Protein backbone atom coordinates (compact mmCIF):
# COMPACT_ATOMS: atom_id res chain seq x y z
CA MET A 1 -45.16 -8.17 -43.25
CA THR A 2 -45.07 -10.07 -46.49
CA PHE A 3 -45.84 -8.62 -49.87
CA LYS A 4 -45.91 -9.99 -53.40
CA ILE A 5 -46.09 -8.26 -56.78
CA HIS A 6 -48.16 -9.84 -59.56
CA THR A 7 -47.66 -9.06 -63.25
CA LEU A 8 -50.71 -8.71 -65.50
CA ASP A 9 -49.80 -8.52 -69.17
CA VAL A 10 -52.56 -6.56 -70.94
CA LYS A 11 -51.38 -7.86 -74.33
CA ASN A 12 -52.51 -4.66 -76.06
CA SER A 13 -50.76 -2.74 -78.84
CA LEU A 14 -49.04 -0.48 -76.27
CA GLN A 15 -47.72 -3.51 -74.36
CA ASN A 16 -49.03 -2.34 -70.99
CA TYR A 17 -48.48 -4.11 -67.71
CA ILE A 18 -50.76 -3.75 -64.69
CA TRP A 19 -48.97 -4.36 -61.39
CA LEU A 20 -50.80 -5.78 -58.38
CA LEU A 21 -49.17 -5.35 -54.97
CA GLU A 22 -50.53 -7.97 -52.55
CA HIS A 23 -50.38 -8.02 -48.77
CA THR A 24 -50.18 -11.80 -48.55
CA GLU A 25 -51.68 -12.20 -45.06
CA SER A 26 -54.93 -10.37 -45.86
CA HIS A 27 -54.89 -10.92 -49.65
CA ASP A 28 -55.63 -7.21 -50.05
CA VAL A 29 -54.20 -5.84 -53.28
CA ILE A 30 -53.47 -2.55 -54.99
CA ALA A 31 -53.77 -2.20 -58.76
CA VAL A 32 -51.25 0.18 -60.29
CA ASP A 33 -52.37 1.95 -63.51
CA PRO A 34 -55.16 -0.50 -64.44
CA THR A 35 -55.55 -0.32 -68.23
CA GLU A 36 -58.71 -2.41 -68.25
CA ALA A 37 -61.05 -3.70 -65.57
CA ALA A 38 -61.91 -7.23 -66.76
CA LEU A 39 -58.31 -8.45 -66.56
CA VAL A 40 -57.92 -7.21 -62.96
CA GLU A 41 -61.32 -8.55 -61.85
CA ARG A 42 -60.71 -11.98 -63.37
CA TYR A 43 -57.22 -12.27 -61.87
CA CYS A 44 -58.42 -11.21 -58.41
CA GLN A 45 -61.28 -13.71 -58.59
CA GLU A 46 -59.01 -16.58 -59.64
CA HIS A 47 -56.47 -15.86 -56.89
CA GLN A 48 -58.94 -14.83 -54.12
CA LEU A 49 -57.56 -11.30 -53.90
CA ASN A 50 -59.43 -8.25 -52.57
CA LEU A 51 -58.89 -5.07 -54.55
CA THR A 52 -58.78 -2.28 -51.95
CA GLN A 53 -56.75 0.48 -53.62
CA ILE A 54 -55.85 1.82 -57.06
CA TRP A 55 -52.70 3.89 -57.63
CA LEU A 56 -52.47 6.09 -60.72
CA THR A 57 -49.28 7.71 -62.00
CA HIS A 58 -50.88 9.96 -64.65
CA TRP A 59 -54.02 10.55 -66.68
CA HIS A 60 -53.31 8.74 -69.97
CA LYS A 61 -56.13 6.39 -70.96
CA ASP A 62 -53.97 3.25 -71.08
CA HIS A 63 -53.24 3.86 -67.36
CA VAL A 64 -56.70 4.76 -66.09
CA GLY A 65 -59.08 3.03 -68.51
CA GLY A 66 -60.19 0.34 -66.06
CA VAL A 67 -60.88 2.61 -63.09
CA PRO A 68 -64.58 3.52 -63.58
CA GLU A 69 -65.61 -0.13 -63.87
CA LEU A 70 -63.35 -1.33 -61.04
CA ILE A 71 -64.75 1.15 -58.52
CA GLN A 72 -68.40 0.87 -59.54
CA ASP A 73 -70.52 0.21 -56.40
CA LYS A 74 -67.37 -0.55 -54.41
CA ASN A 75 -65.49 1.25 -51.66
CA ILE A 76 -62.06 1.46 -53.29
CA ALA A 77 -59.50 4.15 -52.53
CA VAL A 78 -58.15 5.75 -55.71
CA TYR A 79 -54.81 7.57 -55.32
CA GLY A 80 -53.49 9.83 -58.05
CA PRO A 81 -51.84 13.18 -58.82
CA ARG A 82 -53.70 16.21 -57.50
CA ALA A 83 -52.41 18.19 -60.50
CA GLU A 84 -54.42 15.97 -62.87
CA LEU A 85 -57.75 15.81 -61.01
CA SER A 86 -59.54 17.52 -63.90
CA ARG A 87 -58.60 14.56 -66.11
CA ILE A 88 -59.00 11.74 -63.55
CA PRO A 89 -62.07 12.67 -61.52
CA TRP A 90 -62.27 9.27 -59.75
CA VAL A 91 -59.27 10.09 -57.56
CA ASN A 92 -60.47 10.42 -53.95
CA TYR A 93 -56.97 10.60 -52.44
CA PRO A 94 -55.13 13.34 -54.38
CA LEU A 95 -51.35 13.32 -53.97
CA ASP A 96 -48.61 15.96 -54.11
CA HIS A 97 -44.81 15.79 -54.13
CA ASN A 98 -43.38 14.34 -50.87
CA ASP A 99 -46.78 13.07 -49.67
CA ARG A 100 -46.73 9.80 -47.72
CA PHE A 101 -49.40 7.24 -46.93
CA GLU A 102 -49.55 3.63 -45.74
CA PHE A 103 -50.72 0.27 -47.04
CA HIS A 104 -50.70 -2.46 -44.36
CA GLY A 105 -47.76 -0.83 -42.59
CA LEU A 106 -45.78 -0.07 -45.74
CA GLU A 107 -44.91 3.59 -46.08
CA VAL A 108 -45.42 4.85 -49.62
CA GLU A 109 -43.62 8.02 -50.68
CA ILE A 110 -44.72 10.21 -53.60
CA THR A 111 -42.28 11.98 -55.91
CA ALA A 112 -43.46 14.45 -58.55
CA THR A 113 -41.98 13.58 -61.95
CA PRO A 114 -43.38 15.98 -64.58
CA GLY A 115 -42.36 15.83 -68.22
CA HIS A 116 -44.33 13.01 -69.82
CA THR A 117 -47.42 14.69 -68.37
CA LEU A 118 -47.39 17.79 -66.16
CA GLY A 119 -48.72 16.03 -63.07
CA HIS A 120 -47.00 12.64 -63.34
CA ILE A 121 -46.06 11.06 -59.99
CA VAL A 122 -44.22 7.89 -58.92
CA TYR A 123 -44.73 5.64 -55.88
CA PHE A 124 -41.62 4.63 -53.91
CA ILE A 125 -41.70 2.00 -51.12
CA ASP A 126 -38.35 1.86 -49.37
CA ASP A 127 -39.29 -1.10 -47.12
CA ILE A 128 -39.58 -3.43 -50.11
CA HIS A 129 -37.16 -1.59 -52.45
CA THR A 130 -39.92 -0.94 -54.97
CA LEU A 131 -40.71 1.89 -57.38
CA PHE A 132 -43.84 2.10 -59.53
CA CYS A 133 -42.78 4.69 -62.08
CA GLY A 134 -45.48 4.74 -64.76
CA ASP A 135 -44.17 6.26 -67.99
CA VAL A 136 -41.28 8.43 -66.74
CA LEU A 137 -38.56 5.79 -66.66
CA PHE A 138 -38.60 2.66 -68.80
CA ALA A 139 -36.11 -0.18 -68.75
CA MET A 140 -33.25 1.21 -70.88
CA GLY A 141 -35.42 4.17 -71.90
CA CYS A 142 -37.76 6.93 -70.78
CA GLY A 143 -41.17 8.31 -71.68
CA ARG A 144 -41.78 10.83 -74.42
CA VAL A 145 -41.96 14.48 -73.43
CA PHE A 146 -45.62 15.20 -74.20
CA GLU A 147 -46.79 17.99 -71.89
CA GLY A 148 -43.73 19.16 -70.02
CA THR A 149 -40.32 20.46 -71.01
CA PHE A 150 -37.09 18.58 -71.59
CA GLN A 151 -35.73 20.27 -68.46
CA GLN A 152 -38.64 18.91 -66.40
CA MET A 153 -38.16 15.40 -67.75
CA TYR A 154 -34.40 15.54 -67.20
CA ASP A 155 -34.94 16.70 -63.60
CA SER A 156 -37.55 13.97 -63.04
CA LEU A 157 -35.16 11.27 -64.27
CA ASN A 158 -32.44 12.63 -61.98
CA ARG A 159 -34.83 12.39 -59.03
CA ILE A 160 -35.45 8.76 -59.90
CA ALA A 161 -31.74 8.08 -60.38
CA ALA A 162 -31.17 9.20 -56.78
CA PHE A 163 -33.27 6.35 -55.34
CA PRO A 164 -31.24 3.52 -53.74
CA ALA A 165 -29.39 1.31 -56.25
CA GLU A 166 -31.23 -1.84 -55.17
CA THR A 167 -34.66 -0.30 -55.88
CA GLN A 168 -36.70 -2.54 -58.19
CA VAL A 169 -38.18 -0.54 -61.06
CA TYR A 170 -41.71 -1.40 -62.22
CA CYS A 171 -42.59 0.67 -65.28
CA THR A 172 -45.77 0.17 -67.26
CA HIS A 173 -44.75 -0.97 -70.74
CA GLU A 174 -42.76 -3.79 -72.33
CA TYR A 175 -40.57 -1.49 -74.39
CA THR A 176 -37.23 -2.92 -73.27
CA LEU A 177 -36.14 -4.55 -76.53
CA SER A 178 -36.70 -1.46 -78.69
CA ASN A 179 -35.05 0.66 -75.98
CA ALA A 180 -32.10 -1.76 -75.91
CA GLN A 181 -31.71 -1.46 -79.69
CA PHE A 182 -31.54 2.33 -79.35
CA ALA A 183 -29.16 2.16 -76.38
CA ARG A 184 -26.81 -0.07 -78.36
CA HIS A 185 -26.99 2.38 -81.26
CA VAL A 186 -25.99 5.43 -79.18
CA GLU A 187 -23.48 3.65 -76.89
CA PRO A 188 -21.94 0.97 -79.16
CA ASP A 189 -18.92 0.47 -76.88
CA ASN A 190 -20.92 -0.07 -73.68
CA LEU A 191 -20.44 -3.76 -72.83
CA ALA A 192 -23.15 -3.67 -70.14
CA ILE A 193 -25.66 -2.51 -72.76
CA GLN A 194 -24.57 -5.24 -75.19
CA GLN A 195 -24.90 -7.92 -72.53
CA ARG A 196 -28.30 -6.64 -71.46
CA PHE A 197 -29.46 -6.45 -75.07
CA ASP A 198 -28.68 -10.16 -75.47
CA GLU A 199 -30.55 -11.04 -72.25
CA VAL A 200 -33.59 -8.95 -73.21
CA GLU A 201 -33.69 -10.38 -76.73
CA SER A 202 -33.67 -13.94 -75.31
CA LEU A 203 -36.47 -13.15 -72.85
CA ARG A 204 -38.64 -11.59 -75.55
CA MET A 205 -38.09 -14.50 -77.92
CA LEU A 206 -39.57 -16.68 -75.17
CA GLY A 207 -42.41 -14.20 -74.65
CA GLN A 208 -41.22 -13.40 -71.14
CA CYS A 209 -41.41 -10.13 -69.19
CA THR A 210 -38.17 -8.10 -68.95
CA LEU A 211 -39.22 -6.31 -65.74
CA PRO A 212 -38.57 -5.31 -63.05
CA SER A 213 -35.29 -3.58 -63.66
CA SER A 214 -33.30 -1.83 -60.92
CA ILE A 215 -31.85 1.62 -60.46
CA GLU A 216 -28.35 0.07 -60.48
CA ILE A 217 -28.94 -1.63 -63.84
CA GLU A 218 -30.51 1.50 -65.34
CA LEU A 219 -27.56 3.67 -64.33
CA GLU A 220 -25.31 1.29 -66.26
CA THR A 221 -27.44 0.69 -69.34
CA ASN A 222 -29.98 3.51 -69.78
CA PRO A 223 -28.61 6.32 -72.01
CA PHE A 224 -31.24 8.77 -70.71
CA LEU A 225 -30.07 8.37 -67.10
CA ARG A 226 -26.48 8.70 -68.27
CA ALA A 227 -27.01 12.03 -70.08
CA GLU A 228 -24.80 14.62 -68.38
CA SER A 229 -26.81 17.71 -69.31
CA VAL A 230 -30.32 18.67 -70.31
CA GLU A 231 -29.00 19.46 -73.80
CA ALA A 232 -27.54 15.97 -74.14
CA PHE A 233 -30.79 14.50 -72.84
CA GLN A 234 -32.86 16.49 -75.36
CA ARG A 235 -30.65 15.35 -78.23
CA LEU A 236 -31.09 11.71 -77.16
CA ARG A 237 -34.85 12.01 -76.70
CA GLU A 238 -35.35 13.65 -80.10
CA LEU A 239 -33.13 11.01 -81.69
CA LYS A 240 -35.18 8.24 -80.06
CA ASP A 241 -38.47 9.85 -81.21
CA ASN A 242 -37.32 9.29 -84.80
CA PHE A 243 -35.36 6.06 -84.34
């Protein structure tokens, strides 16, 4: 079993990434949170890839915008949170917490991570140490608390923090530099944060992607994963909202 992850930079104002997970023997691919259809279609055409599945983490338009066009007149499985079916009606494989399914022998495990939205889910694949985490966890940051409570978001981040340290973290936005600036502001004596800030700044100056991260790196350099109580987390999140 060989798998490869492709990075599609949407180059929009929200700095979205679309991740494609390819089974290299069959060239079947999954698109995770496809912002727009044309980018995915063109990339698949150029690289002779067959889009067979779409995985959605939550209902926000910059994560689902490409779905209607991508599935038009095609037999494509669309996975997404059952709790958000009213907002993403194209989902034909609704998912709940602890659900499992397979893609070419890879077992995919679903974890509910409410907070950013009420039905947000993440996709964990232990076999290839991979997590597609949408907008719950960002490199050196986390998503805003839009629909849920700070307690829900704090609990969701703790669920993610419990994944194996080597897990590669694929979030959906290139927010790492601004997150690193905030992390440095709130933990000025953290040498790991300072070092990572320098690395991220260099990558962004070259226009390069800062992802994936890993659970191990996030535990060292992400203030939101390091918050020791929901109150501390809420203070940090509100501070970041106005940073």
